[in-house]
């Protein structure tokens, strides 16, 4: 949290930023107490909890992009609005389990008759988020195709 403030992004100063932070924490099962991030787990769920905790930290760190004063809207909202404008039916905040047993969060999932698409929107693409997305996509692809009998990404 201090990292974001040092980058010029005070979370307390914006209701929208607080809502974004709260959504990220909720999506990954992380709690915030006295500016500390906390996740509780038992030994059986440790791997998933650790994955969720690190994913939350990474996604929270991406909020620094919001410190730029020239941002008029958040790209994820633009994607959602575009899908709505084209009458595309989608599932928001889609979670899928991969072959590693880890669960991955995607912003949207679009199911078609013979295929499905998962979407993770990025404000910027960099050396950190692109490999993370590609790993998640590669991990869920075989499980998704076996479960749904649909091609992923077509």
Protein backbone atom coordinates (compact mmCIF):
# COMPACT_ATOMS: atom_id res chain seq x y z
CA UNK A 1 0.00 0.00 0.00
CA UNK A 2 2.84 2.34 0.84
CA UNK A 3 4.40 1.53 -2.54
CA UNK A 4 1.35 2.99 -4.33
CA UNK A 5 1.42 6.14 -2.21
CA UNK A 6 5.12 6.59 -2.96
CA UNK A 7 4.26 6.36 -6.67
CA UNK A 8 1.73 9.18 -6.27
CA UNK A 9 -1.42 7.10 -5.94
CA UNK A 10 -3.10 7.63 -2.57
CA UNK A 11 -5.86 5.01 -2.27
CA UNK A 12 -7.69 6.92 0.47
CA UNK A 13 -8.14 9.96 -1.77
CA UNK A 14 -10.42 8.28 -4.30
CA UNK A 15 -13.60 6.27 -3.85
CA UNK A 16 -13.02 4.62 -7.25
CA UNK A 17 -9.48 3.55 -6.29
CA UNK A 18 -10.72 2.18 -2.95
CA UNK A 19 -13.43 0.25 -4.79
CA UNK A 20 -10.84 -1.15 -7.22
CA UNK A 21 -8.60 -2.19 -4.35
CA UNK A 22 -11.50 -3.76 -2.46
CA UNK A 23 -12.55 -5.69 -5.58
CA UNK A 24 -9.02 -7.03 -6.09
CA UNK A 25 -8.78 -8.10 -2.46
CA UNK A 26 -12.20 -9.75 -2.59
CA UNK A 27 -11.40 -11.59 -5.83
CA UNK A 28 -8.31 -13.15 -4.27
CA UNK A 29 -9.60 -13.65 -0.71
CA UNK A 30 -7.13 -11.18 0.79
CA UNK A 31 -7.94 -8.89 3.73
CA UNK A 32 -6.45 -5.48 4.51
CA UNK A 33 -5.79 -4.65 8.17
CA UNK A 34 -3.81 -1.59 9.26
CA UNK A 35 -2.24 -1.22 5.80
CA UNK A 36 -1.19 -4.89 5.85
CA UNK A 37 -2.41 -7.48 3.39
CA UNK A 38 -3.39 -10.77 5.03
CA UNK A 39 -4.61 -14.11 3.72
CA UNK A 40 -5.57 -17.03 5.92
CA UNK A 41 -5.15 -20.64 4.88
CA UNK A 42 -4.71 -24.12 6.14
CA UNK A 43 -1.92 -26.41 5.01
CA UNK A 44 -4.11 -28.19 2.45
CA UNK A 45 -4.91 -24.91 0.65
CA UNK A 46 -1.52 -23.24 1.12
CA UNK A 47 -0.47 -23.39 -2.55
CA UNK A 48 -3.68 -21.77 -3.78
CA UNK A 49 -3.61 -19.18 -0.97
CA UNK A 50 0.00 -18.27 -1.77
CA UNK A 51 -0.86 -18.00 -5.48
CA UNK A 52 -3.90 -15.80 -4.67
CA UNK A 53 -1.86 -13.60 -2.34
CA UNK A 54 0.91 -13.02 -4.88
CA UNK A 55 -1.63 -12.45 -7.67
CA UNK A 56 -3.39 -9.84 -5.52
CA UNK A 57 -0.10 -8.04 -4.83
CA UNK A 58 0.74 -8.01 -8.54
CA UNK A 59 -2.71 -6.73 -9.49
CA UNK A 60 -2.62 -4.07 -6.74
CA UNK A 61 0.77 -2.93 -8.01
CA UNK A 62 -0.79 -2.42 -11.46
CA UNK A 63 -2.95 0.29 -9.89
CA UNK A 64 0.04 2.63 -10.17
CA UNK A 65 -1.07 3.19 -13.77
CA UNK A 66 -4.01 5.13 -12.33
CA UNK A 67 -1.63 7.78 -11.01
CA UNK A 68 -1.31 9.21 -14.52
CA UNK A 69 -3.46 12.32 -14.65
CA UNK A 70 -4.42 11.94 -18.29
CA UNK A 71 -6.35 8.69 -17.88
CA UNK A 72 -9.98 9.41 -18.74
CA UNK A 73 -11.31 5.91 -18.13
CA UNK A 74 -10.15 2.53 -17.04
CA UNK A 75 -9.50 0.16 -19.91
CA UNK A 76 -11.39 -2.73 -18.32
CA UNK A 77 -14.54 -0.59 -18.21
CA UNK A 78 -13.98 0.31 -21.86
CA UNK A 79 -13.79 -3.38 -22.77
CA UNK A 80 -16.99 -4.08 -20.81
CA UNK A 81 -18.76 -1.18 -22.55
CA UNK A 82 -17.57 -2.41 -25.94
CA UNK A 83 -18.89 -5.92 -25.29
CA UNK A 84 -22.23 -4.44 -24.19
CA UNK A 85 -22.40 -2.19 -27.25
CA UNK A 86 -21.93 -5.20 -29.54
CA UNK A 87 -24.52 -7.25 -27.59
CA UNK A 88 -21.88 -9.84 -26.77
CA UNK A 89 -22.90 -12.06 -23.88
CA UNK A 90 -20.03 -12.54 -21.44
CA UNK A 91 -19.22 -13.70 -17.93
CA UNK A 92 -17.33 -11.07 -15.91
CA UNK A 93 -14.66 -11.95 -13.34
CA UNK A 94 -14.30 -15.47 -14.73
CA UNK A 95 -12.25 -17.97 -12.69
CA UNK A 96 -10.79 -21.10 -14.26
CA UNK A 97 -8.64 -23.87 -12.80
CA UNK A 98 -5.58 -25.03 -14.71
CA UNK A 99 -3.63 -28.27 -14.98
CA UNK A 100 -1.41 -27.13 -12.09
CA UNK A 101 -4.51 -26.98 -9.88
CA UNK A 102 -4.21 -23.21 -9.51
CA UNK A 103 -7.18 -20.96 -10.20
CA UNK A 104 -6.76 -17.97 -12.51
CA UNK A 105 -8.93 -14.86 -12.73
CA UNK A 106 -9.87 -13.41 -16.09
CA UNK A 107 -11.81 -10.21 -16.64
CA UNK A 108 -14.27 -11.74 -19.10
CA UNK A 109 -15.22 -15.06 -20.65
CA UNK A 110 -17.19 -15.30 -23.88
CA UNK A 111 -18.76 -18.68 -24.62
CA UNK A 112 -19.68 -19.53 -28.19
CA UNK A 113 -21.20 -22.72 -29.56
CA UNK A 114 -17.90 -24.46 -30.33
CA UNK A 115 -15.35 -22.26 -28.59
CA UNK A 116 -14.78 -19.91 -25.71
CA UNK A 117 -12.57 -16.89 -25.20
CA UNK A 118 -11.03 -15.59 -21.98
CA UNK A 119 -10.02 -11.95 -21.77
CA UNK A 120 -7.63 -10.26 -19.36
CA UNK A 121 -7.50 -6.52 -20.03
CA UNK A 122 -4.29 -4.63 -19.34
CA UNK A 123 -3.79 -0.88 -19.06
CA UNK A 124 -0.29 -1.50 -20.37
CA UNK A 125 1.48 -4.64 -21.53
CA UNK A 126 4.88 -5.25 -20.00
CA UNK A 127 7.40 -7.99 -19.27
CA UNK A 128 5.55 -8.88 -16.09
CA UNK A 129 1.89 -9.15 -17.03
CA UNK A 130 2.17 -10.72 -20.50
CA UNK A 131 4.10 -13.85 -19.41
CA UNK A 132 1.75 -14.17 -16.43
CA UNK A 133 -1.28 -14.12 -18.74
CA UNK A 134 0.30 -16.55 -21.21
CA UNK A 135 1.12 -18.98 -18.40
CA UNK A 136 -2.46 -18.77 -17.10
CA UNK A 137 -3.93 -19.28 -20.58
CA UNK A 138 -1.60 -22.21 -21.31
CA UNK A 139 -2.42 -23.77 -17.93
CA UNK A 140 -6.23 -23.56 -18.25
CA UNK A 141 -6.46 -24.45 -21.96
CA UNK A 142 -6.30 -28.28 -21.67
CA UNK A 143 -8.61 -28.37 -18.63
CA UNK A 144 -11.12 -26.02 -20.22
CA UNK A 145 -11.17 -27.87 -23.54
CA UNK A 146 -11.59 -31.23 -21.80
CA UNK A 147 -14.36 -29.95 -19.51
CA UNK A 148 -16.37 -27.87 -21.99
CA UNK A 149 -15.52 -29.80 -25.18
CA UNK A 150 -14.90 -26.37 -26.76
CA UNK A 151 -11.73 -24.88 -28.22
CA UNK A 152 -10.23 -22.13 -26.07
CA UNK A 153 -9.25 -18.94 -27.85
CA UNK A 154 -10.82 -19.59 -31.25
